[in-house]
Protein backbone atom coordinates (compact mmCIF):
# COMPACT_ATOMS: atom_id res chain seq x y z
CA MET A 1 47.80 -10.14 3.00
CA PRO A 2 51.01 -8.31 1.97
CA SER A 3 50.30 -9.27 -1.64
CA SER A 4 46.70 -8.08 -1.64
CA CYS A 5 47.66 -4.80 -3.33
CA LYS A 6 49.98 -6.25 -5.96
CA ASP A 7 47.38 -6.22 -8.77
CA ILE A 8 46.46 -2.57 -8.36
CA ARG A 9 50.13 -1.65 -7.94
CA ALA A 10 50.99 -3.35 -11.24
CA ALA A 11 48.07 -1.59 -12.97
CA LEU A 12 49.24 1.77 -11.59
CA ALA A 13 52.79 1.12 -12.80
CA ALA A 14 51.56 0.20 -16.28
CA CYS A 15 49.34 3.27 -16.41
CA LEU A 16 52.24 5.50 -15.37
CA GLN A 17 54.55 3.97 -17.98
CA ASN A 18 52.02 4.80 -20.72
CA SER A 19 51.31 8.34 -19.51
CA ASP A 20 52.60 11.51 -21.18
CA CYS A 21 54.34 12.48 -17.95
CA ILE A 22 56.88 9.68 -18.46
CA LEU A 23 56.79 9.04 -22.21
CA ILE A 24 56.97 12.61 -23.50
CA GLU A 25 58.15 14.77 -20.59
CA ARG A 26 60.67 12.15 -19.36
CA ASN A 27 59.91 12.56 -15.66
CA LYS A 28 60.51 9.88 -13.03
CA PRO A 29 57.41 7.89 -11.94
CA SER A 30 57.87 9.09 -8.36
CA ASP A 31 57.82 12.70 -9.56
CA CYS A 32 54.67 12.10 -11.59
CA LEU A 33 52.84 10.86 -8.49
CA ARG A 34 53.50 14.09 -6.55
CA PRO A 35 52.06 17.58 -7.08
CA PRO A 36 52.17 19.52 -9.39
CA LEU A 37 52.72 16.73 -11.96
CA VAL A 38 49.98 14.49 -10.54
CA ASP A 39 47.42 16.84 -12.09
CA THR A 40 48.79 16.06 -15.57
CA LEU A 41 48.11 12.32 -15.23
CA PRO A 42 45.09 10.75 -16.94
CA GLU A 43 41.97 10.20 -14.82
CA ARG A 44 42.48 6.43 -14.79
CA CYS A 45 45.98 6.78 -13.29
CA ARG A 46 44.69 9.14 -10.62
CA GLN A 47 41.93 6.67 -9.75
CA LEU A 48 44.44 3.82 -9.53
CA LYS A 49 46.69 5.95 -7.32
CA HIS A 50 43.77 6.64 -4.99
CA GLY A 51 42.77 2.98 -4.98
CA TYR A 52 46.32 1.89 -4.23
CA GLY A 53 46.46 4.28 -1.28
CA GLU A 54 43.16 2.92 0.03
CA CYS A 55 44.46 -0.64 -0.35
CA LYS A 56 47.64 0.12 1.59
CA ARG A 57 45.61 1.90 4.25
CA GLY A 58 43.33 -1.13 4.49
CA MET A 59 46.31 -3.35 5.28
CA VAL A 60 46.81 -1.57 8.60
CA ASP A 61 43.14 -0.94 9.35
CA MET A 62 42.23 -2.83 12.50
CA ARG A 63 38.61 -3.25 11.36
CA LYS A 64 39.80 -5.37 8.43
CA ARG A 65 42.40 -7.41 10.28
CA PHE A 66 40.49 -10.71 9.99
CA ARG A 67 38.98 -10.45 6.52
CA GLY A 68 41.70 -8.40 4.87
CA ASN A 69 41.24 -6.09 1.91
CA LYS A 70 38.59 -6.72 -0.69
CA PRO A 71 40.02 -8.43 -3.74
CA VAL A 72 40.78 -5.95 -6.46
CA ALA A 73 39.97 -7.06 -9.98
CA VAL A 74 41.69 -4.50 -12.16
CA SER A 75 42.64 -6.22 -15.35
CA GLN A 76 40.10 -9.01 -15.83
CA GLU A 77 36.73 -7.53 -14.91
CA ILE A 78 37.16 -3.87 -15.80
CA GLU A 79 39.06 -4.13 -19.08
CA ALA A 80 37.59 -7.35 -20.41
CA GLY A 81 34.07 -6.70 -19.11
CA ALA A 82 33.65 -10.13 -17.54
CA ASP A 83 30.13 -11.45 -17.74
CA GLU A 84 30.45 -13.99 -14.99
CA PRO A 85 29.77 -12.86 -11.40
CA SER A 86 32.62 -12.30 -8.99
CA HIS A 87 33.19 -15.03 -6.42
CA GLN A 88 32.56 -14.53 -2.74
CA LEU A 89 35.23 -15.19 -0.18
CA TYR A 90 32.69 -16.30 2.42
CA GLY A 91 29.95 -18.67 1.40
CA GLY A 92 27.91 -18.73 4.61
CA LYS A 93 24.44 -17.40 5.29
CA SER A 94 23.62 -13.76 4.86
CA ALA A 95 23.96 -11.59 7.93
CA TYR A 96 20.51 -10.12 7.28
CA ALA A 97 17.36 -12.19 7.19
CA GLU A 98 15.16 -11.89 4.10
CA PRO A 99 11.84 -10.22 4.96
CA ALA A 100 8.90 -12.57 4.71
CA VAL A 101 6.21 -11.48 2.24
CA SER A 102 2.65 -12.20 3.25
CA LYS A 103 -0.39 -12.33 0.97
CA ALA A 104 -1.58 -9.03 2.43
CA ASP A 105 1.57 -7.30 1.11
CA VAL A 106 1.09 -8.52 -2.49
CA PRO A 107 -0.89 -6.17 -4.77
CA GLU A 108 -4.22 -7.36 -6.22
CA GLU A 109 -2.87 -7.77 -9.78
CA GLU A 110 -0.39 -10.46 -8.73
CA LYS A 111 -2.82 -12.64 -6.67
């Protein structure tokens, strides 16, 4: 579980290294993550910063203590646009039963 946020952390670090705040203005990454410089970051970096905070918060959340954080797919699915579905961590039955459809519920065109 301590390594569940490493992917989003690496993506945030890469985004910060490519931002104008570090490349052009020569600020430290820690300064770029605090106000007032955080407003100059690109939208993607701000989203990654928010996601990283949620991930770290989820590590201490007692409601998630058994299942852990959701896996974060930053580089493979978002950037490459993966066509294959993401894999489930739990392969058991669904918690909700599928509603049974009777013949009375089906419209006349489909009978």
